[in-house]
Amino acid sequence: MDEHEKLRRSIERQAKRMEQAEQDRPTLLSQTAFLGVLALLLVIPVIVGAYLGRWLDGLTEGYSIHWTVSLIIIGVIVGIFNVYLFVREH
C-alpha cells in the first residue's frame, strides 16, 4: 500500500466520522425537551410536598409550618434524586 492510498483511506475514515457526529448531534428541540423534563422531575416533588405540608399544617391548631418546611425539603431531595437517576439513564 503506498502513501497516497493510506492518506485517502485516512481522509475517508475522518469524513465518515464527521458525518456520523453531525447526525448524532442533538437538536435544539430535543435539548429543550430534555431540560423541560429535568425541570419537571425536580419541581413536581417540591410542589407536592408544599401542598401536602400546607394541608397537614392546616389540620393542627394554631400557626404551624413544620410539615410544610419538612415536606418541601424532602421534595427537594426526592427531586434531586429523580434528576440524578434520569441523567444517569440517558
PDB file of N, CA and C in Angstrom:
ATOM      1  N   MET A   1       0.836  -1.166   0.000  1.00  0.00           N
ATOM      2  CA  MET A   1       0.000   0.000   0.000  1.00  0.00           C
ATOM      3  C   MET A   1       0.890   1.241   0.000  1.00  0.00           C
ATOM      4  N   ASP A   2       0.658   2.110  -0.914  1.00  0.00           N
ATOM      5  CA  ASP A   2       1.504   3.302  -0.988  1.00  0.00           C
ATOM      6  C   ASP A   2       0.932   4.420  -0.098  1.00  0.00           C
ATOM      7  N   GLU A   3       1.701   5.485  -0.012  1.00  0.00           N
ATOM      8  CA  GLU A   3       1.354   6.603   0.866  1.00  0.00           C
ATOM      9  C   GLU A   3       0.048   7.270   0.456  1.00  0.00           C
ATOM     10  N   HIS A   4      -0.211   7.378  -0.841  1.00  0.00           N
ATOM     11  CA  HIS A   4      -1.429   8.036  -1.318  1.00  0.00           C
ATOM     12  C   HIS A   4      -2.668   7.239  -0.910  1.00  0.00           C
ATOM     13  N   GLU A   5      -2.579   5.936  -0.976  1.00  0.00           N
ATOM     14  CA  GLU A   5      -3.711   5.080  -0.598  1.00  0.00           C
ATOM     15  C   GLU A   5      -3.987   5.193   0.911  1.00  0.00           C
ATOM     16  N   LYS A   6      -2.948   5.224   1.730  1.00  0.00           N
ATOM     17  CA  LYS A   6      -3.119   5.372   3.175  1.00  0.00           C
ATOM     18  C   LYS A   6      -3.753   6.715   3.508  1.00  0.00           C
ATOM     19  N   LEU A   7      -3.291   7.754   2.844  1.00  0.00           N
ATOM     20  CA  LEU A   7      -3.834   9.087   3.065  1.00  0.00           C
ATOM     21  C   LEU A   7      -5.307   9.144   2.664  1.00  0.00           C
ATOM     22  N   ARG A   8      -5.651   8.553   1.523  1.00  0.00           N
ATOM     23  CA  ARG A   8      -7.026   8.556   1.037  1.00  0.00           C
ATOM     24  C   ARG A   8      -7.944   7.833   2.019  1.00  0.00           C
ATOM     25  N   ARG A   9      -7.528   6.680   2.525  1.00  0.00           N
ATOM     26  CA  ARG A   9      -8.341   5.909   3.478  1.00  0.00           C
ATOM     27  C   ARG A   9      -8.495   6.666   4.805  1.00  0.00           C
ATOM     28  N   SER A  10      -7.426   7.288   5.216  1.00  0.00           N
ATOM     29  CA  SER A  10      -7.488   8.064   6.447  1.00  0.00           C
ATOM     30  C   SER A  10      -8.483   9.215   6.320  1.00  0.00           C
ATOM     31  N   ILE A  11      -8.447   9.898   5.204  1.00  0.00           N
ATOM     32  CA  ILE A  11      -9.366  11.014   4.969  1.00  0.00           C
ATOM     33  C   ILE A  11     -10.802  10.511   4.877  1.00  0.00           C
ATOM     34  N   GLU A  12     -11.031   9.366   4.243  1.00  0.00           N
ATOM     35  CA  GLU A  12     -12.369   8.794   4.142  1.00  0.00           C
ATOM     36  C   GLU A  12     -12.913   8.429   5.526  1.00  0.00           C
ATOM     37  N   ARG A  13     -12.066   7.850   6.376  1.00  0.00           N
ATOM     38  CA  ARG A  13     -12.491   7.497   7.737  1.00  0.00           C
ATOM     39  C   ARG A  13     -12.865   8.743   8.529  1.00  0.00           C
ATOM     40  N   GLN A  14     -12.045   9.787   8.412  1.00  0.00           N
ATOM     41  CA  GLN A  14     -12.332  11.022   9.129  1.00  0.00           C
ATOM     42  C   GLN A  14     -13.625  11.663   8.630  1.00  0.00           C
ATOM     43  N   ALA A  15     -13.850  11.625   7.332  1.00  0.00           N
ATOM     44  CA  ALA A  15     -15.076  12.192   6.770  1.00  0.00           C
ATOM     45  C   ALA A  15     -16.302  11.425   7.258  1.00  0.00           C
ATOM     46  N   LYS A  16     -16.214  10.109   7.320  1.00  0.00           N
ATOM     47  CA  LYS A  16     -17.327   9.302   7.815  1.00  0.00           C
ATOM     48  C   LYS A  16     -17.606   9.593   9.287  1.00  0.00           C
ATOM     49  N   ARG A  17     -16.541   9.741  10.074  1.00  0.00           N
ATOM     50  CA  ARG A  17     -16.723  10.067  11.488  1.00  0.00           C
ATOM     51  C   ARG A  17     -17.376  11.433  11.659  1.00  0.00           C
ATOM     52  N   MET A  18     -16.979  12.386  10.842  1.00  0.00           N
ATOM     53  CA  MET A  18     -17.577  13.719  10.922  1.00  0.00           C
ATOM     54  C   MET A  18     -19.047  13.684  10.534  1.00  0.00           C
ATOM     55  N   GLU A  19     -19.387  12.934   9.506  1.00  0.00           N
ATOM     56  CA  GLU A  19     -20.789  12.801   9.104  1.00  0.00           C
ATOM     57  C   GLU A  19     -21.615  12.142  10.196  1.00  0.00           C
ATOM     58  N   GLN A  20     -21.065  11.100  10.823  1.00  0.00           N
ATOM     59  CA  GLN A  20     -21.777  10.408  11.896  1.00  0.00           C
ATOM     60  C   GLN A  20     -21.957  11.327  13.096  1.00  0.00           C
ATOM     61  N   ALA A  21     -20.963  12.105  13.418  1.00  0.00           N
ATOM     62  CA  ALA A  21     -21.066  13.043  14.537  1.00  0.00           C
ATOM     63  C   ALA A  21     -22.136  14.096  14.259  1.00  0.00           C
ATOM     64  N   GLU A  22     -22.226  14.539  13.038  1.00  0.00           N
ATOM     65  CA  GLU A  22     -23.247  15.524  12.655  1.00  0.00           C
ATOM     66  C   GLU A  22     -24.644  14.922  12.784  1.00  0.00           C
ATOM     67  N   GLN A  23     -24.806  13.677  12.415  1.00  0.00           N
ATOM     68  CA  GLN A  23     -26.114  13.022  12.512  1.00  0.00           C
ATOM     69  C   GLN A  23     -26.498  12.749  13.960  1.00  0.00           C
ATOM     70  N   ASP A  24     -25.533  12.456  14.824  1.00  0.00           N
ATOM     71  CA  ASP A  24     -25.804  12.123  16.217  1.00  0.00           C
ATOM     72  C   ASP A  24     -25.988  13.348  17.105  1.00  0.00           C
ATOM     73  N   ARG A  25     -25.670  14.512  16.602  1.00  0.00           N
ATOM     74  CA  ARG A  25     -25.774  15.735  17.400  1.00  0.00           C
ATOM     75  C   ARG A  25     -27.229  16.017  17.744  1.00  0.00           C
ATOM     76  N   PRO A  26     -27.538  16.256  19.031  1.00  0.00           N
ATOM     77  CA  PRO A  26     -28.922  16.514  19.407  1.00  0.00           C
ATOM     78  C   PRO A  26     -29.399  17.866  18.875  1.00  0.00           C
ATOM     79  N   THR A  27     -30.671  17.931  18.539  1.00  0.00           N
ATOM     80  CA  THR A  27     -31.253  19.165  18.020  1.00  0.00           C
ATOM     81  C   THR A  27     -31.628  20.082  19.174  1.00  0.00           C
ATOM     82  N   LEU A  28     -31.909  21.316  18.845  1.00  0.00           N
ATOM     83  CA  LEU A  28     -32.319  22.290  19.852  1.00  0.00           C
ATOM     84  C   LEU A  28     -33.621  21.854  20.514  1.00  0.00           C
ATOM     85  N   LEU A  29     -34.533  21.307  19.730  1.00  0.00           N
ATOM     86  CA  LEU A  29     -35.811  20.855  20.283  1.00  0.00           C
ATOM     87  C   LEU A  29     -35.614  19.712  21.268  1.00  0.00           C
ATOM     88  N   SER A  30     -34.754  18.757  20.938  1.00  0.00           N
ATOM     89  CA  SER A  30     -34.534  17.636  21.859  1.00  0.00           C
ATOM     90  C   SER A  30     -33.823  18.098  23.133  1.00  0.00           C
ATOM     91  N   GLN A  31     -32.912  19.040  23.013  1.00  0.00           N
ATOM     92  CA  GLN A  31     -32.236  19.572  24.200  1.00  0.00           C
ATOM     93  C   GLN A  31     -33.220  20.336  25.083  1.00  0.00           C
ATOM     94  N   THR A  32     -34.131  21.094  24.467  1.00  0.00           N
ATOM     95  CA  THR A  32     -35.131  21.839  25.220  1.00  0.00           C
ATOM     96  C   THR A  32     -36.079  20.885  25.933  1.00  0.00           C
ATOM     97  N   ALA A  33     -36.492  19.828  25.256  1.00  0.00           N
ATOM     98  CA  ALA A  33     -37.374  18.841  25.874  1.00  0.00           C
ATOM     99  C   ALA A  33     -36.669  18.155  27.039  1.00  0.00           C
ATOM    100  N   PHE A  34     -35.400  17.850  26.879  1.00  0.00           N
ATOM    101  CA  PHE A  34     -34.622  17.212  27.947  1.00  0.00           C
ATOM    102  C   PHE A  34     -34.569  18.110  29.178  1.00  0.00           C
ATOM    103  N   LEU A  35     -34.291  19.394  28.990  1.00  0.00           N
ATOM    104  CA  LEU A  35     -34.231  20.325  30.114  1.00  0.00           C
ATOM    105  C   LEU A  35     -35.603  20.504  30.756  1.00  0.00           C
ATOM    106  N   GLY A  36     -36.666  20.477  29.945  1.00  0.00           N
ATOM    107  CA  GLY A  36     -38.019  20.574  30.488  1.00  0.00           C
ATOM    108  C   GLY A  36     -38.364  19.390  31.362  1.00  0.00           C
ATOM    109  N   VAL A  37     -37.982  18.200  30.938  1.00  0.00           N
ATOM    110  CA  VAL A  37     -38.226  17.003  31.736  1.00  0.00           C
ATOM    111  C   VAL A  37     -37.436  17.079  33.046  1.00  0.00           C
ATOM    112  N   LEU A  38     -36.203  17.535  32.976  1.00  0.00           N
ATOM    113  CA  LEU A  38     -35.404  17.684  34.196  1.00  0.00           C
ATOM    114  C   LEU A  38     -36.068  18.659  35.168  1.00  0.00           C
ATOM    115  N   ALA A  39     -36.586  19.765  34.641  1.00  0.00           N
ATOM    116  CA  ALA A  39     -37.242  20.756  35.495  1.00  0.00           C
ATOM    117  C   ALA A  39     -38.477  20.155  36.164  1.00  0.00           C
ATOM    118  N   LEU A  40     -39.266  19.409  35.407  1.00  0.00           N
ATOM    119  CA  LEU A  40     -40.461  18.799  35.985  1.00  0.00           C
ATOM    120  C   LEU A  40     -40.103  17.756  37.032  1.00  0.00           C
ATOM    121  N   LEU A  41     -39.078  16.975  36.764  1.00  0.00           N
ATOM    122  CA  LEU A  41     -38.654  15.962  37.734  1.00  0.00           C
ATOM    123  C   LEU A  41     -38.198  16.589  39.047  1.00  0.00           C
ATOM    124  N   LEU A  42     -37.688  17.802  38.979  1.00  0.00           N
ATOM    125  CA  LEU A  42     -37.230  18.481  40.183  1.00  0.00           C
ATOM    126  C   LEU A  42     -38.360  19.236  40.874  1.00  0.00           C
ATOM    127  N   VAL A  43     -39.207  19.887  40.118  1.00  0.00           N
ATOM    128  CA  VAL A  43     -40.196  20.798  40.686  1.00  0.00           C
ATOM    129  C   VAL A  43     -41.428  20.079  41.226  1.00  0.00           C
ATOM    130  N   ILE A  44     -41.896  19.040  40.556  1.00  0.00           N
ATOM    131  CA  ILE A  44     -43.152  18.393  40.966  1.00  0.00           C
ATOM    132  C   ILE A  44     -43.081  17.839  42.392  1.00  0.00           C
ATOM    133  N   PRO A  45     -42.009  17.129  42.799  1.00  0.00           N
ATOM    134  CA  PRO A  45     -41.976  16.677  44.203  1.00  0.00           C
ATOM    135  C   PRO A  45     -41.972  17.834  45.210  1.00  0.00           C
ATOM    136  N   VAL A  46     -41.368  18.954  44.857  1.00  0.00           N
ATOM    137  CA  VAL A  46     -41.347  20.108  45.757  1.00  0.00           C
ATOM    138  C   VAL A  46     -42.760  20.675  45.912  1.00  0.00           C
ATOM    139  N   ILE A  47     -43.475  20.807  44.809  1.00  0.00           N
ATOM    140  CA  ILE A  47     -44.835  21.343  44.857  1.00  0.00           C
ATOM    141  C   ILE A  47     -45.767  20.403  45.629  1.00  0.00           C
ATOM    142  N   VAL A  48     -45.652  19.105  45.363  1.00  0.00           N
ATOM    143  CA  VAL A  48     -46.472  18.132  46.088  1.00  0.00           C
ATOM    144  C   VAL A  48     -46.166  18.198  47.583  1.00  0.00           C
ATOM    145  N   GLY A  49     -44.914  18.300  47.938  1.00  0.00           N
ATOM    146  CA  GLY A  49     -44.543  18.419  49.346  1.00  0.00           C
ATOM    147  C   GLY A  49     -45.095  19.677  49.980  1.00  0.00           C
ATOM    148  N   ALA A  50     -45.067  20.785  49.250  1.00  0.00           N
ATOM    149  CA  ALA A  50     -45.590  22.043  49.786  1.00  0.00           C
ATOM    150  C   ALA A  50     -47.094  21.962  50.023  1.00  0.00           C
ATOM    151  N   TYR A  51     -47.824  21.439  49.054  1.00  0.00           N
ATOM    152  CA  TYR A  51     -49.275  21.339  49.225  1.00  0.00           C
ATOM    153  C   TYR A  51     -49.650  20.350  50.326  1.00  0.00           C
ATOM    154  N   LEU A  52     -48.996  19.210  50.360  1.00  0.00           N
ATOM    155  CA  LEU A  52     -49.279  18.222  51.392  1.00  0.00           C
ATOM    156  C   LEU A  52     -48.919  18.771  52.774  1.00  0.00           C
ATOM    157  N   GLY A  53     -47.794  19.440  52.878  1.00  0.00           N
ATOM    158  CA  GLY A  53     -47.395  20.045  54.148  1.00  0.00           C
ATOM    159  C   GLY A  53     -48.345  21.136  54.585  1.00  0.00           C
ATOM    160  N   ARG A  54     -48.792  21.944  53.652  1.00  0.00           N
ATOM    161  CA  ARG A  54     -49.751  23.008  53.985  1.00  0.00           C
ATOM    162  C   ARG A  54     -51.053  22.412  54.491  1.00  0.00           C
ATOM    163  N   TRP A  55     -51.499  21.331  53.850  1.00  0.00           N
ATOM    164  CA  TRP A  55     -52.728  20.673  54.274  1.00  0.00           C
ATOM    165  C   TRP A  55     -52.571  20.085  55.681  1.00  0.00           C
ATOM    166  N   LEU A  56     -51.435  19.410  55.931  1.00  0.00           N
ATOM    167  CA  LEU A  56     -51.197  18.844  57.257  1.00  0.00           C
ATOM    168  C   LEU A  56     -51.068  19.931  58.326  1.00  0.00           C
ATOM    169  N   ASP A  57     -50.426  21.047  57.990  1.00  0.00           N
ATOM    170  CA  ASP A  57     -50.323  22.156  58.937  1.00  0.00           C
ATOM    171  C   ASP A  57     -51.686  22.779  59.205  1.00  0.00           C
ATOM    172  N   GLY A  58     -52.574  22.755  58.223  1.00  0.00           N
ATOM    173  CA  GLY A  58     -53.921  23.289  58.414  1.00  0.00           C
ATOM    174  C   GLY A  58     -54.764  22.443  59.346  1.00  0.00           C
ATOM    175  N   LEU A  59     -54.417  21.188  59.512  1.00  0.00           N
ATOM    176  CA  LEU A  59     -55.165  20.304  60.409  1.00  0.00           C
ATOM    177  C   LEU A  59     -54.843  20.564  61.874  1.00  0.00           C
ATOM    178  N   THR A  60     -53.702  21.188  62.145  1.00  0.00           N
ATOM    179  CA  THR A  60     -53.316  21.457  63.535  1.00  0.00           C
ATOM    180  C   THR A  60     -53.833  22.823  63.964  1.00  0.00           C
ATOM    181  N   GLU A  61     -53.997  22.976  65.256  1.00  0.00           N
ATOM    182  CA  GLU A  61     -54.443  24.272  65.778  1.00  0.00           C
ATOM    183  C   GLU A  61     -53.267  25.230  65.851  1.00  0.00           C
ATOM    184  N   GLY A  62     -53.548  26.487  65.654  1.00  0.00           N
ATOM    185  CA  GLY A  62     -52.507  27.499  65.729  1.00  0.00           C
ATOM    186  C   GLY A  62     -51.735  27.596  64.419  1.00  0.00           C
ATOM    187  N   TYR A  63     -50.732  28.454  64.451  1.00  0.00           N
ATOM    188  CA  TYR A  63     -49.911  28.688  63.270  1.00  0.00           C
ATOM    189  C   TYR A  63     -48.725  27.736  63.287  1.00  0.00           C
ATOM    190  N   SER A  64     -48.608  26.932  62.237  1.00  0.00           N
ATOM    191  CA  SER A  64     -47.521  25.966  62.176  1.00  0.00           C
ATOM    192  C   SER A  64     -47.066  25.809  60.737  1.00  0.00           C
ATOM    193  N   ILE A  65     -45.760  25.717  60.544  1.00  0.00           N
ATOM    194  CA  ILE A  65     -45.227  25.452  59.202  1.00  0.00           C
ATOM    195  C   ILE A  65     -44.259  24.279  59.217  1.00  0.00           C
ATOM    196  N   HIS A  66     -44.299  23.524  60.286  1.00  0.00           N
ATOM    197  CA  HIS A  66     -43.351  22.421  60.432  1.00  0.00           C
ATOM    198  C   HIS A  66     -43.501  21.391  59.313  1.00  0.00           C
ATOM    199  N   TRP A  67     -44.723  20.959  59.051  1.00  0.00           N
ATOM    200  CA  TRP A  67     -44.930  19.969  57.995  1.00  0.00           C
ATOM    201  C   TRP A  67     -44.571  20.548  56.629  1.00  0.00           C
ATOM    202  N   THR A  68     -44.944  21.791  56.395  1.00  0.00           N
ATOM    203  CA  THR A  68     -44.676  22.400  55.087  1.00  0.00           C
ATOM    204  C   THR A  68     -43.183  22.453  54.804  1.00  0.00           C
ATOM    205  N   VAL A  69     -42.422  22.958  55.741  1.00  0.00           N
ATOM    206  CA  VAL A  69     -40.978  23.078  55.552  1.00  0.00           C
ATOM    207  C   VAL A  69     -40.340  21.694  55.410  1.00  0.00           C
ATOM    208  N   SER A  70     -40.755  20.780  56.263  1.00  0.00           N
ATOM    209  CA  SER A  70     -40.179  19.432  56.218  1.00  0.00           C
ATOM    210  C   SER A  70     -40.455  18.743  54.885  1.00  0.00           C
ATOM    211  N   LEU A  71     -41.692  18.832  54.419  1.00  0.00           N
ATOM    212  CA  LEU A  71     -42.033  18.153  53.172  1.00  0.00           C
ATOM    213  C   LEU A  71     -41.467  18.866  51.941  1.00  0.00           C
ATOM    214  N   ILE A  72     -41.244  20.168  52.021  1.00  0.00           N
ATOM    215  CA  ILE A  72     -40.557  20.860  50.919  1.00  0.00           C
ATOM    216  C   ILE A  72     -39.111  20.369  50.831  1.00  0.00           C
ATOM    217  N   ILE A  73     -38.453  20.241  51.973  1.00  0.00           N
ATOM    218  CA  ILE A  73     -37.067  19.752  51.974  1.00  0.00           C
ATOM    219  C   ILE A  73     -37.008  18.321  51.448  1.00  0.00           C
ATOM    220  N   ILE A  74     -37.941  17.490  51.876  1.00  0.00           N
ATOM    221  CA  ILE A  74     -37.994  16.118  51.353  1.00  0.00           C
ATOM    222  C   ILE A  74     -38.269  16.134  49.856  1.00  0.00           C
ATOM    223  N   GLY A  75     -39.136  17.044  49.404  1.00  0.00           N
ATOM    224  CA  GLY A  75     -39.428  17.173  47.973  1.00  0.00           C
ATOM    225  C   GLY A  75     -38.190  17.562  47.170  1.00  0.00           C
ATOM    226  N   VAL A  76     -37.379  18.450  47.716  1.00  0.00           N
ATOM    227  CA  VAL A  76     -36.142  18.841  47.034  1.00  0.00           C
ATOM    228  C   VAL A  76     -35.201  17.650  46.927  1.00  0.00           C
ATOM    229  N   ILE A  77     -35.077  16.888  48.008  1.00  0.00           N
ATOM    230  CA  ILE A  77     -34.198  15.717  47.991  1.00  0.00           C
ATOM    231  C   ILE A  77     -34.690  14.689  46.989  1.00  0.00           C
ATOM    232  N   VAL A  78     -35.999  14.421  46.989  1.00  0.00           N
ATOM    233  CA  VAL A  78     -36.566  13.465  46.034  1.00  0.00           C
ATOM    234  C   VAL A  78     -36.390  13.969  44.604  1.00  0.00           C
ATOM    235  N   GLY A  79     -36.587  15.266  44.386  1.00  0.00           N
ATOM    236  CA  GLY A  79     -36.410  15.842  43.055  1.00  0.00           C
ATOM    237  C   GLY A  79     -34.983  15.716  42.551  1.00  0.00           C
ATOM    238  N   ILE A  80     -34.025  15.992  43.409  1.00  0.00           N
ATOM    239  CA  ILE A  80     -32.618  15.863  43.016  1.00  0.00           C
ATOM    240  C   ILE A  80     -32.288  14.413  42.694  1.00  0.00           C
ATOM    241  N   PHE A  81     -32.815  13.492  43.486  1.00  0.00           N
ATOM    242  CA  PHE A  81     -32.599  12.076  43.232  1.00  0.00           C
ATOM    243  C   PHE A  81     -33.228  11.663  41.889  1.00  0.00           C
ATOM    244  N   ASN A  82     -34.428  12.171  41.599  1.00  0.00           N
ATOM    245  CA  ASN A  82     -35.077  11.904  40.310  1.00  0.00           C
ATOM    246  C   ASN A  82     -34.218  12.385  39.142  1.00  0.00           C
ATOM    247  N   VAL A  83     -33.714  13.597  39.254  1.00  0.00           N
ATOM    248  CA  VAL A  83     -32.880  14.164  38.192  1.00  0.00           C
ATOM    249  C   VAL A  83     -31.611  13.337  38.021  1.00  0.00           C
ATOM    250  N   TYR A  84     -30.997  12.951  39.119  1.00  0.00           N
ATOM    251  CA  TYR A  84     -29.784  12.138  39.056  1.00  0.00           C
ATOM    252  C   TYR A  84     -30.047  10.818  38.326  1.00  0.00           C
ATOM    253  N   LEU A  85     -31.120  10.138  38.692  1.00  0.00           N
ATOM    254  CA  LEU A  85     -31.437   8.868  38.043  1.00  0.00           C
ATOM    255  C   LEU A  85     -31.730   9.041  36.554  1.00  0.00           C
ATOM    256  N   PHE A  86     -32.450  10.109  36.206  1.00  0.00           N
ATOM    257  CA  PHE A  86     -32.794  10.362  34.810  1.00  0.00           C
ATOM    258  C   PHE A  86     -31.555  10.666  33.978  1.00  0.00           C
ATOM    259  N   VAL A  87     -30.671  11.503  34.500  1.00  0.00           N
ATOM    260  CA  VAL A  87     -29.458  11.857  33.760  1.00  0.00           C
ATOM    261  C   VAL A  87     -28.533  10.655  33.640  1.00  0.00           C
ATOM    262  N   ARG A  88     -28.441   9.854  34.689  1.00  0.00           N
ATOM    263  CA  ARG A  88     -27.597   8.659  34.643  1.00  0.00           C
ATOM    264  C   ARG A  88     -28.105   7.652  33.603  1.00  0.00           C
ATOM    265  N   GLU A  89     -29.426   7.589  33.445  1.00  0.00           N
ATOM    266  CA  GLU A  89     -30.019   6.668  32.483  1.00  0.00           C
ATOM    267  C   GLU A  89     -29.776   7.112  31.035  1.00  0.00           C
ATOM    268  N   HIS A  90     -29.725   8.416  30.834  1.00  0.00           N
ATOM    269  CA  HIS A  90     -29.524   8.920  29.473  1.00  0.00           C
ATOM    270  C   HIS A  90     -28.108   9.314  29.349  1.00  0.00           C
TER     271      HIS A  90
END
